[in-house]
Amino acid sequence: LINLLNNAIKFSPLEAVISMVVTKLICDDIELVNISVEDHGIGIKPQDIDLLFQEFSKVNNPQNRNLNPRGVGLGLWISNNLAKNMGTPLRVYSEYGCGATFCFDLLTDGEKMGQ
């Protein structure tokens, strides 16, 4: 979660709104908590989305290099692995130039409701 918030801050312009929303859901009688982080930064091109969750992979464009010159391409890979272990993998929704939303689900207790 901290990595997602740090990325949202890093890739958003000053005074941009960054939102974190936590929603309790019930899906197939299983309680989940959905967590999403939305920014209004540079966004991600559709062809670059698959690169985000690969180890040592970075989106290669000049804007990213200027905003994150020291990144090595591990943050989202690690975050995705942690999210998978707690419920579901990270998902990303983005429109290039308009921002991105990263979200994942956590199982509340790993059991179906009523058990």
C-alpha atoms as a PDB file:
ATOM      1  CA  LEU A   1       0.000   0.000   0.000  1.00  0.00           C
ATOM      2  CA  ILE A   2       2.842   2.368   0.857  1.00  0.00           C
ATOM      3  CA  ASN A   3       4.486   1.649  -2.503  1.00  0.00           C
ATOM      4  CA  LEU A   4       1.237   2.413  -4.356  1.00  0.00           C
ATOM      5  CA  LEU A   5       0.826   5.699  -2.470  1.00  0.00           C
ATOM      6  CA  ASN A   6       4.479   6.645  -3.030  1.00  0.00           C
ATOM      7  CA  ASN A   7       4.137   5.973  -6.763  1.00  0.00           C
ATOM      8  CA  ALA A   8       0.929   8.019  -6.936  1.00  0.00           C
ATOM      9  CA  ILE A   9       2.718  10.931  -5.264  1.00  0.00           C
ATOM     10  CA  LYS A  10       5.848  10.550  -7.393  1.00  0.00           C
ATOM     11  CA  PHE A  11       4.015  10.453 -10.735  1.00  0.00           C
ATOM     12  CA  SER A  12       1.376  13.133 -10.009  1.00  0.00           C
ATOM     13  CA  PRO A  13       1.771  16.892 -10.433  1.00  0.00           C
ATOM     14  CA  LEU A  14       1.817  19.190  -7.419  1.00  0.00           C
ATOM     15  CA  GLU A  15      -1.585  19.739  -5.816  1.00  0.00           C
ATOM     16  CA  ALA A  16      -3.092  16.784  -7.707  1.00  0.00           C
ATOM     17  CA  VAL A  17      -5.700  14.795  -5.838  1.00  0.00           C
ATOM     18  CA  ILE A  18      -4.642  11.275  -4.849  1.00  0.00           C
ATOM     19  CA  SER A  19      -7.407   9.054  -3.504  1.00  0.00           C
ATOM     20  CA  MET A  20      -7.278   5.899  -1.440  1.00  0.00           C
ATOM     21  CA  VAL A  21     -10.569   4.067  -1.080  1.00  0.00           C
ATOM     22  CA  VAL A  22     -11.244   1.032   1.103  1.00  0.00           C
ATOM     23  CA  THR A  23     -14.494  -0.816   0.410  1.00  0.00           C
ATOM     24  CA  LYS A  24     -15.907  -3.908   2.121  1.00  0.00           C
ATOM     25  CA  LEU A  25     -17.428  -6.278  -0.440  1.00  0.00           C
ATOM     26  CA  ILE A  26     -19.175  -9.630  -0.507  1.00  0.00           C
ATOM     27  CA  CYS A  27     -18.406 -11.795  -3.538  1.00  0.00           C
ATOM     28  CA  ASP A  28     -19.742 -15.367  -3.760  1.00  0.00           C
ATOM     29  CA  ASP A  29     -20.414 -15.296   0.001  1.00  0.00           C
ATOM     30  CA  ILE A  30     -16.789 -14.349   0.712  1.00  0.00           C
ATOM     31  CA  GLU A  31     -16.056 -11.081   2.498  1.00  0.00           C
ATOM     32  CA  LEU A  32     -13.372  -9.002   0.841  1.00  0.00           C
ATOM     33  CA  VAL A  33     -11.853  -5.606   1.416  1.00  0.00           C
ATOM     34  CA  ASN A  34     -11.032  -3.777  -1.815  1.00  0.00           C
ATOM     35  CA  ILE A  35      -8.272  -1.172  -1.589  1.00  0.00           C
ATOM     36  CA  SER A  36      -7.645   1.237  -4.448  1.00  0.00           C
ATOM     37  CA  VAL A  37      -5.224   4.112  -4.973  1.00  0.00           C
ATOM     38  CA  GLU A  38      -6.075   6.588  -7.716  1.00  0.00           C
ATOM     39  CA  ASP A  39      -3.889   9.374  -9.033  1.00  0.00           C
ATOM     40  CA  HIS A  40      -4.211  11.968 -11.754  1.00  0.00           C
ATOM     41  CA  GLY A  41      -0.624  11.763 -12.917  1.00  0.00           C
ATOM     42  CA  ILE A  42       0.950  10.792 -16.216  1.00  0.00           C
ATOM     43  CA  GLY A  43      -0.883   7.489 -16.597  1.00  0.00           C
ATOM     44  CA  ILE A  44       0.362   4.367 -18.328  1.00  0.00           C
ATOM     45  CA  LYS A  45       0.187   3.435 -21.996  1.00  0.00           C
ATOM     46  CA  PRO A  46      -1.786   0.208 -22.635  1.00  0.00           C
ATOM     47  CA  GLN A  47       1.251  -1.529 -24.141  1.00  0.00           C
ATOM     48  CA  ASP A  48       3.279  -0.795 -20.984  1.00  0.00           C
ATOM     49  CA  ILE A  49       0.877  -2.209 -18.389  1.00  0.00           C
ATOM     50  CA  ASP A  50       2.263  -5.766 -18.601  1.00  0.00           C
ATOM     51  CA  LEU A  51       5.765  -4.442 -17.838  1.00  0.00           C
ATOM     52  CA  LEU A  52       4.683  -2.987 -14.499  1.00  0.00           C
ATOM     53  CA  PHE A  53       4.595  -6.238 -12.552  1.00  0.00           C
ATOM     54  CA  GLN A  54       7.737  -7.837 -13.988  1.00  0.00           C
ATOM     55  CA  GLU A  55      10.866  -8.054 -11.864  1.00  0.00           C
ATOM     56  CA  PHE A  56      13.461  -5.340 -12.707  1.00  0.00           C
ATOM     57  CA  SER A  57      11.179  -3.877 -15.355  1.00  0.00           C
ATOM     58  CA  LYS A  58      10.431  -0.191 -15.829  1.00  0.00           C
ATOM     59  CA  VAL A  59       8.310   1.711 -18.305  1.00  0.00           C
ATOM     60  CA  ASN A  60      10.881   3.285 -20.581  1.00  0.00           C
ATOM     61  CA  ASN A  61       9.984   6.849 -21.415  1.00  0.00           C
ATOM     62  CA  PRO A  62      11.728  10.154 -20.639  1.00  0.00           C
ATOM     63  CA  GLN A  63       8.991  11.361 -18.296  1.00  0.00           C
ATOM     64  CA  ASN A  64       9.370   8.284 -16.074  1.00  0.00           C
ATOM     65  CA  ARG A  65      13.149   8.573 -15.995  1.00  0.00           C
ATOM     66  CA  ASN A  66      12.870  12.183 -14.788  1.00  0.00           C
ATOM     67  CA  LEU A  67      10.247  11.402 -12.123  1.00  0.00           C
ATOM     68  CA  ASN A  68      11.864   8.208 -10.831  1.00  0.00           C
ATOM     69  CA  PRO A  69      15.566   8.239 -11.727  1.00  0.00           C
ATOM     70  CA  ARG A  70      16.645   5.824  -8.965  1.00  0.00           C
ATOM     71  CA  GLY A  71      13.921   3.207  -9.372  1.00  0.00           C
ATOM     72  CA  VAL A  72      15.097  -0.282 -10.277  1.00  0.00           C
ATOM     73  CA  GLY A  73      11.765  -1.857 -11.200  1.00  0.00           C
ATOM     74  CA  LEU A  74      11.064  -3.893  -8.072  1.00  0.00           C
ATOM     75  CA  GLY A  75       8.405  -1.888  -6.205  1.00  0.00           C
ATOM     76  CA  LEU A  76       5.316  -3.012  -8.100  1.00  0.00           C
ATOM     77  CA  TRP A  77       6.690  -6.536  -8.514  1.00  0.00           C
ATOM     78  CA  ILE A  78       7.076  -6.851  -4.731  1.00  0.00           C
ATOM     79  CA  SER A  79       3.711  -5.169  -4.089  1.00  0.00           C
ATOM     80  CA  ASN A  80       1.991  -7.520  -6.533  1.00  0.00           C
ATOM     81  CA  ASN A  81       3.492 -10.601  -4.856  1.00  0.00           C
ATOM     82  CA  LEU A  82       2.402  -9.371  -1.420  1.00  0.00           C
ATOM     83  CA  ALA A  83      -1.109  -8.637  -2.700  1.00  0.00           C
ATOM     84  CA  LYS A  84      -1.342 -12.137  -4.243  1.00  0.00           C
ATOM     85  CA  ASN A  85      -0.375 -13.688  -0.907  1.00  0.00           C
ATOM     86  CA  MET A  86      -3.092 -11.699   0.897  1.00  0.00           C
ATOM     87  CA  GLY A  87      -5.933 -12.159  -1.591  1.00  0.00           C
ATOM     88  CA  THR A  88      -5.655 -11.110  -5.228  1.00  0.00           C
ATOM     89  CA  PRO A  89      -2.973  -9.691  -7.524  1.00  0.00           C
ATOM     90  CA  LEU A  90      -2.743  -5.973  -8.191  1.00  0.00           C
ATOM     91  CA  ARG A  91      -4.940  -4.646 -10.953  1.00  0.00           C
ATOM     92  CA  VAL A  92      -4.338  -1.421 -12.816  1.00  0.00           C
ATOM     93  CA  TYR A  93      -6.699   0.782 -14.787  1.00  0.00           C
ATOM     94  CA  SER A  94      -5.127   3.687 -16.612  1.00  0.00           C
ATOM     95  CA  GLU A  95      -5.555   6.200 -19.353  1.00  0.00           C
ATOM     96  CA  TYR A  96      -2.278   7.653 -20.576  1.00  0.00           C
ATOM     97  CA  GLY A  97      -2.071  11.321 -19.682  1.00  0.00           C
ATOM     98  CA  CYS A  98      -4.944  11.102 -17.191  1.00  0.00           C
ATOM     99  CA  GLY A  99      -3.699   8.959 -14.320  1.00  0.00           C
ATOM    100  CA  ALA A 100      -3.990   5.446 -12.989  1.00  0.00           C
ATOM    101  CA  THR A 101      -5.829   3.388 -10.397  1.00  0.00           C
ATOM    102  CA  PHE A 102      -4.168   0.423  -8.704  1.00  0.00           C
ATOM    103  CA  CYS A 103      -6.323  -1.915  -6.637  1.00  0.00           C
ATOM    104  CA  PHE A 104      -6.330  -5.273  -4.903  1.00  0.00           C
ATOM    105  CA  ASP A 105      -8.604  -7.326  -2.657  1.00  0.00           C
ATOM    106  CA  LEU A 106      -7.886  -8.773   0.766  1.00  0.00           C
ATOM    107  CA  LEU A 107      -9.755 -11.724   2.201  1.00  0.00           C
ATOM    108  CA  THR A 108     -11.125 -10.639   5.579  1.00  0.00           C
ATOM    109  CA  ASP A 109     -10.598 -13.978   7.280  1.00  0.00           C
ATOM    110  CA  GLY A 110     -10.265 -16.515   4.477  1.00  0.00           C
ATOM    111  CA  GLU A 111     -13.616 -18.116   5.262  1.00  0.00           C
ATOM    112  CA  LYS A 112     -17.049 -17.921   3.755  1.00  0.00           C
ATOM    113  CA  MET A 113     -19.617 -15.839   5.582  1.00  0.00           C
ATOM    114  CA  GLY A 114     -21.565 -17.621   8.287  1.00  0.00           C
ATOM    115  CA  GLN A 115     -18.909 -20.242   8.968  1.00  0.00           C
END
